[in-house]
C-alpha atoms as a PDB file:
ATOM      1  CA  MET A   1       0.000   0.000   0.000  1.00  0.00           C
ATOM      2  CA  ASP A   2       1.478   3.324  -1.129  1.00  0.00           C
ATOM      3  CA  PHE A   3       0.277   5.884   1.390  1.00  0.00           C
ATOM      4  CA  GLY A   4       1.393   8.819  -0.744  1.00  0.00           C
ATOM      5  CA  LYS A   5      -0.655   7.673  -3.723  1.00  0.00           C
ATOM      6  CA  LEU A   6      -3.633   6.822  -1.536  1.00  0.00           C
ATOM      7  CA  PHE A   7      -4.430  10.504  -1.007  1.00  0.00           C
ATOM      8  CA  SER A   8      -2.867  11.891  -4.181  1.00  0.00           C
ATOM      9  CA  LEU A   9      -4.772  13.777  -6.850  1.00  0.00           C
ATOM     10  CA  GLU A  10      -1.793  13.855  -9.171  1.00  0.00           C
ATOM     11  CA  GLY A  11      -2.741  14.463 -12.782  1.00  0.00           C
ATOM     12  CA  ARG A  12      -6.459  14.873 -12.162  1.00  0.00           C
ATOM     13  CA  VAL A  13      -8.666  17.607 -13.563  1.00  0.00           C
ATOM     14  CA  ALA A  14     -11.219  19.206 -11.248  1.00  0.00           C
ATOM     15  CA  LEU A  15     -13.971  21.812 -11.342  1.00  0.00           C
ATOM     16  CA  ILE A  16     -14.992  23.660  -8.183  1.00  0.00           C
ATOM     17  CA  THR A  17     -18.060  25.873  -8.423  1.00  0.00           C
ATOM     18  CA  GLY A  18     -17.932  28.866  -6.139  1.00  0.00           C
ATOM     19  CA  GLY A  19     -14.186  28.273  -6.020  1.00  0.00           C
ATOM     20  CA  SER A  20     -13.016  31.859  -5.736  1.00  0.00           C
ATOM     21  CA  ARG A  21     -13.532  32.397  -2.009  1.00  0.00           C
ATOM     22  CA  GLY A  22     -14.648  30.841   1.260  1.00  0.00           C
ATOM     23  CA  ILE A  23     -14.890  27.068   1.404  1.00  0.00           C
ATOM     24  CA  GLY A  24     -14.438  26.783  -2.365  1.00  0.00           C
ATOM     25  CA  LYS A  25     -11.085  28.527  -2.149  1.00  0.00           C
ATOM     26  CA  MET A  26     -10.072  26.271   0.755  1.00  0.00           C
ATOM     27  CA  LEU A  27     -10.817  23.242  -1.429  1.00  0.00           C
ATOM     28  CA  LEU A  28      -8.892  24.792  -4.316  1.00  0.00           C
ATOM     29  CA  GLU A  29      -5.788  25.135  -2.133  1.00  0.00           C
ATOM     30  CA  GLY A  30      -6.091  21.537  -0.999  1.00  0.00           C
ATOM     31  CA  PHE A  31      -6.565  20.119  -4.487  1.00  0.00           C
ATOM     32  CA  LEU A  32      -3.533  22.005  -5.781  1.00  0.00           C
ATOM     33  CA  ALA A  33      -1.398  20.796  -2.887  1.00  0.00           C
ATOM     34  CA  ALA A  34      -2.599  17.224  -3.518  1.00  0.00           C
ATOM     35  CA  GLY A  35      -1.372  17.378  -7.115  1.00  0.00           C
ATOM     36  CA  CYS A  36      -4.315  18.257  -9.375  1.00  0.00           C
ATOM     37  CA  ALA A  37      -3.063  19.017 -12.861  1.00  0.00           C
ATOM     38  CA  ARG A  38      -5.742  21.657 -13.412  1.00  0.00           C
ATOM     39  CA  VAL A  39      -8.500  23.088 -11.276  1.00  0.00           C
ATOM     40  CA  TYR A  40     -11.237  25.107 -12.929  1.00  0.00           C
ATOM     41  CA  ILE A  41     -13.051  27.581 -10.715  1.00  0.00           C
ATOM     42  CA  THR A  42     -16.224  29.466 -11.460  1.00  0.00           C
ATOM     43  CA  ALA A  43     -18.104  32.257  -9.748  1.00  0.00           C
ATOM     44  CA  ARG A  44     -20.486  34.991 -10.776  1.00  0.00           C
ATOM     45  CA  LYS A  45     -18.179  37.955 -10.084  1.00  0.00           C
ATOM     46  CA  VAL A  46     -15.651  38.140 -12.904  1.00  0.00           C
ATOM     47  CA  SER A  47     -13.038  40.176 -11.041  1.00  0.00           C
ATOM     48  CA  VAL A  48     -13.086  37.939  -7.975  1.00  0.00           C
ATOM     49  CA  VAL A  49     -12.705  34.626  -9.807  1.00  0.00           C
ATOM     50  CA  GLU A  50      -9.953  36.015 -12.035  1.00  0.00           C
ATOM     51  CA  GLU A  51      -8.105  37.481  -9.050  1.00  0.00           C
ATOM     52  CA  THR A  52      -8.203  34.116  -7.296  1.00  0.00           C
ATOM     53  CA  ALA A  53      -6.767  32.348 -10.341  1.00  0.00           C
ATOM     54  CA  ALA A  54      -4.009  34.954 -10.617  1.00  0.00           C
ATOM     55  CA  GLU A  55      -3.206  34.602  -6.908  1.00  0.00           C
ATOM     56  CA  TYR A  56      -2.073  31.006  -7.401  1.00  0.00           C
ATOM     57  CA  ASP A  57      -0.370  31.396 -10.763  1.00  0.00           C
ATOM     58  CA  ALA A  58       3.125  32.007  -9.383  1.00  0.00           C
ATOM     59  CA  GLN A  59       3.127  28.835  -7.275  1.00  0.00           C
ATOM     60  CA  TYR A  60       0.985  26.727  -9.620  1.00  0.00           C
ATOM     61  CA  PRO A  61       1.485  28.217 -13.094  1.00  0.00           C
ATOM     62  CA  GLY A  62      -1.364  27.426 -15.468  1.00  0.00           C
ATOM     63  CA  ARG A  63      -3.075  25.070 -13.064  1.00  0.00           C
ATOM     64  CA  VAL A  64      -5.945  27.339 -11.936  1.00  0.00           C
ATOM     65  CA  ILE A  65      -8.317  28.391 -14.708  1.00  0.00           C
ATOM     66  CA  ALA A  66     -11.071  30.921 -14.107  1.00  0.00           C
ATOM     67  CA  ILE A  67     -14.392  30.599 -15.923  1.00  0.00           C
ATOM     68  CA  PRO A  68     -16.717  33.343 -14.655  1.00  0.00           C
ATOM     69  CA  GLY A  69     -20.440  32.808 -14.996  1.00  0.00           C
ATOM     70  CA  ASP A  70     -23.838  32.620 -13.340  1.00  0.00           C
ATOM     71  CA  ILE A  71     -24.831  28.978 -12.892  1.00  0.00           C
ATOM     72  CA  SER A  72     -28.064  29.645 -11.026  1.00  0.00           C
ATOM     73  CA  GLN A  73     -30.033  29.127 -14.252  1.00  0.00           C
ATOM     74  CA  MET A  74     -29.925  26.561 -17.042  1.00  0.00           C
ATOM     75  CA  ASP A  75     -28.279  28.755 -19.662  1.00  0.00           C
ATOM     76  CA  GLY A  76     -25.363  29.491 -17.358  1.00  0.00           C
ATOM     77  CA  ILE A  77     -25.062  25.819 -16.435  1.00  0.00           C
ATOM     78  CA  GLN A  78     -24.894  24.871 -20.104  1.00  0.00           C
ATOM     79  CA  GLN A  79     -22.354  27.598 -20.843  1.00  0.00           C
ATOM     80  CA  LEU A  80     -20.065  26.325 -18.096  1.00  0.00           C
ATOM     81  CA  ALA A  81     -20.375  22.721 -19.258  1.00  0.00           C
ATOM     82  CA  ASP A  82     -19.600  23.810 -22.823  1.00  0.00           C
ATOM     83  CA  ALA A  83     -16.582  25.816 -21.654  1.00  0.00           C
ATOM     84  CA  ILE A  84     -15.141  22.811 -19.812  1.00  0.00           C
ATOM     85  CA  ALA A  85     -15.830  20.505 -22.771  1.00  0.00           C
ATOM     86  CA  ALA A  86     -14.016  22.913 -25.087  1.00  0.00           C
ATOM     87  CA  ARG A  87     -10.898  22.634 -22.922  1.00  0.00           C
ATOM     88  CA  GLU A  88     -10.957  19.062 -21.600  1.00  0.00           C
ATOM     89  CA  SER A  89     -11.777  15.602 -22.949  1.00  0.00           C
ATOM     90  CA  LYS A  90     -12.540  14.335 -19.448  1.00  0.00           C
ATOM     91  CA  LEU A  91     -13.272  15.583 -15.942  1.00  0.00           C
ATOM     92  CA  ASP A  92     -12.070  13.603 -12.929  1.00  0.00           C
ATOM     93  CA  ILE A  93     -13.631  15.633 -10.101  1.00  0.00           C
ATOM     94  CA  LEU A  94     -16.666  17.901  -9.860  1.00  0.00           C
ATOM     95  CA  VAL A  95     -17.265  19.808  -6.638  1.00  0.00           C
ATOM     96  CA  ASN A  96     -20.724  21.372  -6.442  1.00  0.00           C
ATOM     97  CA  ASN A  97     -19.915  24.073  -3.923  1.00  0.00           C
ATOM     98  CA  ALA A  98     -21.665  27.237  -5.147  1.00  0.00           C
ATOM     99  CA  GLY A  99     -24.542  28.164  -2.887  1.00  0.00           C
ATOM    100  CA  ALA A 100     -26.742  30.950  -1.591  1.00  0.00           C
ATOM    101  CA  ALA A 101     -28.578  31.819   1.609  1.00  0.00           C
ATOM    102  CA  TRP A 102     -31.487  34.118   2.401  1.00  0.00           C
ATOM    103  CA  GLY A 103     -32.971  34.984   5.769  1.00  0.00           C
ATOM    104  CA  ALA A 104     -36.275  36.673   6.526  1.00  0.00           C
ATOM    105  CA  GLU A 105     -39.109  36.421   9.026  1.00  0.00           C
ATOM    106  CA  PHE A 106     -41.611  33.644   8.336  1.00  0.00           C
ATOM    107  CA  GLU A 107     -44.512  36.024   7.763  1.00  0.00           C
ATOM    108  CA  ASN A 108     -42.606  38.047   5.158  1.00  0.00           C
ATOM    109  CA  PHE A 109     -40.334  35.521   3.504  1.00  0.00           C
ATOM    110  CA  PRO A 110     -40.232  36.459  -0.218  1.00  0.00           C
ATOM    111  CA  GLU A 111     -40.646  34.090  -3.127  1.00  0.00           C
ATOM    112  CA  VAL A 112     -37.602  35.599  -4.816  1.00  0.00           C
ATOM    113  CA  GLY A 113     -35.428  34.552  -1.878  1.00  0.00           C
ATOM    114  CA  TRP A 114     -36.905  31.073  -1.853  1.00  0.00           C
ATOM    115  CA  ASP A 115     -36.343  30.567  -5.582  1.00  0.00           C
ATOM    116  CA  LYS A 116     -32.800  31.960  -5.574  1.00  0.00           C
ATOM    117  CA  VAL A 117     -31.670  29.614  -2.806  1.00  0.00           C
ATOM    118  CA  MET A 118     -33.430  26.484  -4.037  1.00  0.00           C
ATOM    119  CA  ASP A 119     -32.252  27.007  -7.614  1.00  0.00           C
ATOM    120  CA  LEU A 120     -28.565  27.402  -6.806  1.00  0.00           C
ATOM    121  CA  ASN A 121     -28.402  24.946  -3.909  1.00  0.00           C
ATOM    122  CA  VAL A 122     -30.424  22.050  -5.360  1.00  0.00           C
ATOM    123  CA  LYS A 123     -31.179  22.507  -9.050  1.00  0.00           C
ATOM    124  CA  THR A 124     -27.701  23.599 -10.085  1.00  0.00           C
ATOM    125  CA  PRO A 125     -25.797  20.627  -8.590  1.00  0.00           C
ATOM    126  CA  PHE A 126     -28.143  18.203 -10.323  1.00  0.00           C
ATOM    127  CA  PHE A 127     -28.179  19.791 -13.751  1.00  0.00           C
ATOM    128  CA  LEU A 128     -24.487  20.720 -13.801  1.00  0.00           C
ATOM    129  CA  THR A 129     -23.638  17.095 -13.000  1.00  0.00           C
ATOM    130  CA  GLN A 130     -26.045  16.037 -15.753  1.00  0.00           C
ATOM    131  CA  LYS A 131     -24.423  18.337 -18.322  1.00  0.00           C
ATOM    132  CA  LEU A 132     -20.925  17.221 -17.318  1.00  0.00           C
ATOM    133  CA  HIS A 133     -21.895  13.550 -17.221  1.00  0.00           C
ATOM    134  CA  PRO A 134     -20.161  12.735 -20.550  1.00  0.00           C
ATOM    135  CA  LEU A 135     -16.856  14.207 -19.337  1.00  0.00           C
ATOM    136  CA  LEU A 136     -17.136  12.454 -15.981  1.00  0.00           C
ATOM    137  CA  LYS A 137     -17.856   9.133 -17.725  1.00  0.00           C
ATOM    138  CA  ALA A 138     -14.857   9.675 -19.992  1.00  0.00           C
ATOM    139  CA  ALA A 139     -12.620   9.945 -16.923  1.00  0.00           C
ATOM    140  CA  ALA A 140     -14.213   7.111 -14.946  1.00  0.00           C
ATOM    141  CA  THR A 141     -12.964   3.540 -14.792  1.00  0.00           C
ATOM    142  CA  PHE A 142     -13.559   0.616 -12.460  1.00  0.00           C
ATOM    143  CA  GLU A 143     -10.025   1.046 -11.125  1.00  0.00           C
ATOM    144  CA  ARG A 144     -10.249   4.832 -10.767  1.00  0.00           C
ATOM    145  CA  PRO A 145     -13.773   6.232 -10.562  1.00  0.00           C
ATOM    146  CA  ALA A 146     -14.604   9.845 -11.250  1.00  0.00           C
ATOM    147  CA  LYS A 147     -15.896  11.846  -8.289  1.00  0.00           C
ATOM    148  CA  VAL A 148     -18.754  14.238  -7.629  1.00  0.00           C
ATOM    149  CA  ILE A 149     -18.703  15.959  -4.233  1.00  0.00           C
ATOM    150  CA  ASN A 150     -21.738  17.988  -3.183  1.00  0.00           C
ATOM    151  CA  ILE A 151     -21.128  20.615  -0.525  1.00  0.00           C
ATOM    152  CA  ALA A 152     -24.179  20.627   1.740  1.00  0.00           C
ATOM    153  CA  SER A 153     -24.264  21.982   5.314  1.00  0.00           C
ATOM    154  CA  ILE A 154     -24.843  20.822   8.841  1.00  0.00           C
ATOM    155  CA  ASP A 155     -28.033  22.891   8.546  1.00  0.00           C
ATOM    156  CA  GLY A 156     -29.317  20.108   6.322  1.00  0.00           C
ATOM    157  CA  LEU A 157     -28.787  17.620   9.143  1.00  0.00           C
ATOM    158  CA  ARG A 158     -30.423  19.559  11.964  1.00  0.00           C
ATOM    159  CA  PRO A 159     -32.313  22.862  12.186  1.00  0.00           C
ATOM    160  CA  ASN A 160     -30.523  26.025  13.201  1.00  0.00           C
ATOM    161  CA  PRO A 161     -32.158  28.908  15.107  1.00  0.00           C
ATOM    162  CA  TRP A 162     -32.159  31.350  12.168  1.00  0.00           C
ATOM    163  CA  GLU A 163     -35.034  31.957   9.778  1.00  0.00           C
ATOM    164  CA  THR A 164     -33.212  30.715   6.695  1.00  0.00           C
ATOM    165  CA  TYR A 165     -35.992  28.397   5.570  1.00  0.00           C
ATOM    166  CA  PRO A 166     -34.995  27.553   1.986  1.00  0.00           C
ATOM    167  CA  TYR A 167     -31.313  27.269   2.913  1.00  0.00           C
ATOM    168  CA  GLN A 168     -31.984  24.592   5.497  1.00  0.00           C
ATOM    169  CA  ALA A 169     -34.492  22.816   3.258  1.00  0.00           C
ATOM    170  CA  SER A 170     -32.177  22.979   0.241  1.00  0.00           C
ATOM    171  CA  LYS A 171     -29.227  21.508   2.101  1.00  0.00           C
ATOM    172  CA  ALA A 172     -31.367  18.667   3.461  1.00  0.00           C
ATOM    173  CA  GLY A 173     -32.585  18.101  -0.083  1.00  0.00           C
ATOM    174  CA  LEU A 174     -29.032  18.090  -1.430  1.00  0.00           C
ATOM    175  CA  ILE A 175     -28.002  15.441   1.093  1.00  0.00           C
ATOM    176  CA  HIS A 176     -30.812  13.159  -0.084  1.00  0.00           C
ATOM    177  CA  LEU A 177     -30.154  14.038  -3.718  1.00  0.00           C
ATOM    178  CA  THR A 178     -26.551  12.958  -3.172  1.00  0.00           C
ATOM    179  CA  LYS A 179     -27.779   9.495  -2.207  1.00  0.00           C
ATOM    180  CA  ARG A 180     -30.039   9.208  -5.231  1.00  0.00           C
ATOM    181  CA  MET A 181     -27.428  10.462  -7.668  1.00  0.00           C
ATOM    182  CA  ALA A 182     -24.907   8.073  -6.145  1.00  0.00           C
ATOM    183  CA  ALA A 183     -27.236   5.118  -6.732  1.00  0.00           C
ATOM    184  CA  ARG A 184     -27.462   5.953 -10.437  1.00  0.00           C
ATOM    185  CA  LEU A 185     -23.962   7.181 -11.253  1.00  0.00           C
ATOM    186  CA  ILE A 186     -22.071   4.348  -9.571  1.00  0.00           C
ATOM    187  CA  ASP A 187     -23.162   2.315 -12.616  1.00  0.00           C
ATOM    188  CA  ASP A 188     -20.883   4.596 -14.648  1.00  0.00           C
ATOM    189  CA  HIS A 189     -18.020   4.337 -12.121  1.00  0.00           C
ATOM    190  CA  ILE A 190     -18.799   7.839 -10.860  1.00  0.00           C
ATOM    191  CA  VAL A 191     -18.812   8.086  -7.072  1.00  0.00           C
ATOM    192  CA  VAL A 192     -21.082  10.758  -5.587  1.00  0.00           C
ATOM    193  CA  THR A 193     -20.570  11.885  -2.003  1.00  0.00           C
ATOM    194  CA  GLY A 194     -21.133  14.984   0.095  1.00  0.00           C
ATOM    195  CA  ILE A 195     -19.633  17.149   2.796  1.00  0.00           C
ATOM    196  CA  ALA A 196     -21.662  19.019   5.417  1.00  0.00           C
ATOM    197  CA  PRO A 197     -19.439  21.848   6.667  1.00  0.00           C
ATOM    198  CA  GLY A 198     -19.919  23.483  10.022  1.00  0.00           C
ATOM    199  CA  ALA A 199     -18.604  26.934  10.944  1.00  0.00           C
ATOM    200  CA  TYR A 200     -15.898  28.232   8.611  1.00  0.00           C
ATOM    201  CA  ALA A 201     -14.881  31.828   8.037  1.00  0.00           C
ATOM    202  CA  SER A 202     -16.562  32.995   4.838  1.00  0.00           C
ATOM    203  CA  GLU A 203     -18.826  35.620   3.315  1.00  0.00           C
ATOM    204  CA  MET A 204     -21.775  33.315   3.964  1.00  0.00           C
ATOM    205  CA  ASN A 205     -20.810  32.721   7.595  1.00  0.00           C
ATOM    206  CA  LYS A 206     -19.905  36.198   8.777  1.00  0.00           C
ATOM    207  CA  ALA A 207     -20.210  35.186  12.436  1.00  0.00           C
ATOM    208  CA  ALA A 208     -17.402  32.649  12.059  1.00  0.00           C
ATOM    209  CA  ARG A 209     -15.404  35.115   9.978  1.00  0.00           C
ATOM    210  CA  ASP A 210     -15.767  38.104  12.295  1.00  0.00           C
ATOM    211  CA  ALA A 211     -16.073  36.446  15.711  1.00  0.00           C
ATOM    212  CA  GLY A 212     -14.357  33.096  15.269  1.00  0.00           C
ATOM    213  CA  ASP A 213     -13.192  32.763  18.873  1.00  0.00           C
ATOM    214  CA  ALA A 214     -16.671  33.403  20.257  1.00  0.00           C
ATOM    215  CA  VAL A 215     -18.302  31.013  17.792  1.00  0.00           C
ATOM    216  CA  GLY A 216     -15.658  28.392  18.528  1.00  0.00           C
ATOM    217  CA  LYS A 217     -16.597  28.324  22.208  1.00  0.00           C
ATOM    218  CA  GLY A 218     -19.952  26.812  21.265  1.00  0.00           C
ATOM    219  CA  ILE A 219     -18.391  24.003  19.201  1.00  0.00           C
ATOM    220  CA  PRO A 220     -17.364  20.731  20.888  1.00  0.00           C
ATOM    221  CA  SER A 221     -13.874  20.950  19.345  1.00  0.00           C
ATOM    222  CA  GLY A 222     -13.501  24.450  20.754  1.00  0.00           C
ATOM    223  CA  ARG A 223     -12.794  26.263  17.496  1.00  0.00           C
ATOM    224  CA  ILE A 224     -14.179  27.037  14.064  1.00  0.00           C
ATOM    225  CA  GLY A 225     -13.039  25.028  11.058  1.00  0.00           C
ATOM    226  CA  GLN A 226      -9.809  25.804   9.251  1.00  0.00           C
ATOM    227  CA  ALA A 227      -8.891  25.360   5.593  1.00  0.00           C
ATOM    228  CA  GLU A 228      -6.977  22.165   6.350  1.00  0.00           C
ATOM    229  CA  ASP A 229     -10.048  20.572   7.964  1.00  0.00           C
ATOM    230  CA  ILE A 230     -12.374  20.928   4.992  1.00  0.00           C
ATOM    231  CA  ALA A 231      -9.662  20.429   2.354  1.00  0.00           C
ATOM    232  CA  ALA A 232      -8.537  17.181   3.962  1.00  0.00           C
ATOM    233  CA  GLY A 233     -12.074  15.806   3.858  1.00  0.00           C
ATOM    234  CA  ALA A 234     -12.484  16.713   0.205  1.00  0.00           C
ATOM    235  CA  ILE A 235      -9.089  15.253  -0.716  1.00  0.00           C
ATOM    236  CA  TYR A 236     -10.051  12.029   1.049  1.00  0.00           C
ATOM    237  CA  LEU A 237     -13.281  11.745  -0.925  1.00  0.00           C
ATOM    238  CA  ALA A 238     -11.710  12.804  -4.229  1.00  0.00           C
ATOM    239  CA  SER A 239      -8.696  10.485  -4.009  1.00  0.00           C
ATOM    240  CA  ARG A 240      -8.247   6.707  -4.044  1.00  0.00           C
ATOM    241  CA  ALA A 241      -8.742   6.805  -0.270  1.00  0.00           C
ATOM    242  CA  GLY A 242     -12.427   7.611  -0.719  1.00  0.00           C
ATOM    243  CA  ASP A 243     -13.309   5.279  -3.595  1.00  0.00           C
ATOM    244  CA  TYR A 244     -15.444   3.010  -1.387  1.00  0.00           C
ATOM    245  CA  VAL A 245     -17.438   5.854   0.194  1.00  0.00           C
ATOM    246  CA  VAL A 246     -20.601   6.102  -1.910  1.00  0.00           C
ATOM    247  CA  GLY A 247     -23.627   8.336  -1.291  1.00  0.00           C
ATOM    248  CA  THR A 248     -22.507   9.440   2.160  1.00  0.00           C
ATOM    249  CA  THR A 249     -22.442  13.048   3.342  1.00  0.00           C
ATOM    250  CA  ILE A 250     -19.767  13.588   5.980  1.00  0.00           C
ATOM    251  CA  PRO A 251     -20.176  16.358   8.583  1.00  0.00           C
ATOM    252  CA  ILE A 252     -16.872  18.214   9.001  1.00  0.00           C
ATOM    253  CA  ASP A 253     -18.001  20.451  11.808  1.00  0.00           C
ATOM    254  CA  GLY A 254     -15.978  19.932  14.970  1.00  0.00           C
ATOM    255  CA  GLY A 255     -18.739  17.814  16.492  1.00  0.00           C
ATOM    256  CA  ILE A 256     -21.717  20.171  16.220  1.00  0.00           C
ATOM    257  CA  VAL A 257     -24.044  17.553  14.773  1.00  0.00           C
ATOM    258  CA  ASN A 258     -22.918  14.379  16.494  1.00  0.00           C
ATOM    259  CA  ALA A 259     -21.144  15.462  19.682  1.00  0.00           C
ATOM    260  CA  SER A 260     -23.166  18.407  21.028  1.00  0.00           C
ATOM    261  CA  ILE A 261     -24.983  18.265  24.357  1.00  0.00           C
ATOM    262  CA  ASP A 262     -27.633  20.797  25.335  1.00  0.00           C
ATOM    263  CA  LYS A 263     -26.319  21.520  28.832  1.00  0.00           C
ATOM    264  CA  ASP A 264     -29.054  24.084  29.480  1.00  0.00           C
ATOM    265  CA  HIS A 265     -31.590  21.255  29.651  1.00  0.00           C
ATOM    266  CA  LEU A 266     -29.719  18.839  31.940  1.00  0.00           C
ATOM    267  CA  ASP A 267     -31.622  17.774  35.040  1.00  0.00           C
ATOM    268  CA  PRO A 268     -30.080  18.336  38.519  1.00  0.00           C
ATOM    269  CA  THR A 269     -28.425  14.898  38.391  1.00  0.00           C
ATOM    270  CA  GLY A 270     -26.545  15.873  35.250  1.00  0.00           C
ATOM    271  CA  HIS A 271     -28.653  13.813  32.852  1.00  0.00           C
END
């Protein structure tokens, strides 16, 4: 058993949606360090995605390629798939990371917020995987399957206290969609899995970004997640090490989902 090759992504081609910042950028750093030959990143803001690609060009020349675009609707999804197909004959790894959130009081929650979140968080991962299916199949073999990794959230595994109704519903839906996609695509030697991140510093999680120490005190591990935590999980799933993990969504959250105890509701005996 070659431990180095077990977790290597040497020579593989990957696409990370929402790869210009936050968790997507953390995964980009990990994939480059693990040896990916090329990592395509996409995001809606042209300047941001191009700046991120340029940031890594000195250390990883030509290995980060920016493809700006809006993949919240079908035309943008097709444009991205076409752009990848014009550059690559196969795609080893697809990370469906792009996502949106919207919070509002129950009585006033707007349809536009609902549709925006559900479209990007549930519809886009499905249809982008569908459009890239030929490239994923071209890369996939019995010995080395292609990989699709859906980035969900711990909010899809248990409710949070905020009024982010479609976000929580969409992430729960994505976790179940991951299972159903996995059941179909394993026939093509494409392994579909998911990650449910906890608190990481990002534009979407401003509390973790701006008050990480305070947020960390409420997490069993005592801190918010770092780039190495989420990148390591994605590398595991994307590499040979994760070939036998099919349809599972792994919480990488410092224990919030599976190791939290509500101490405020303990009885006087400590139970």
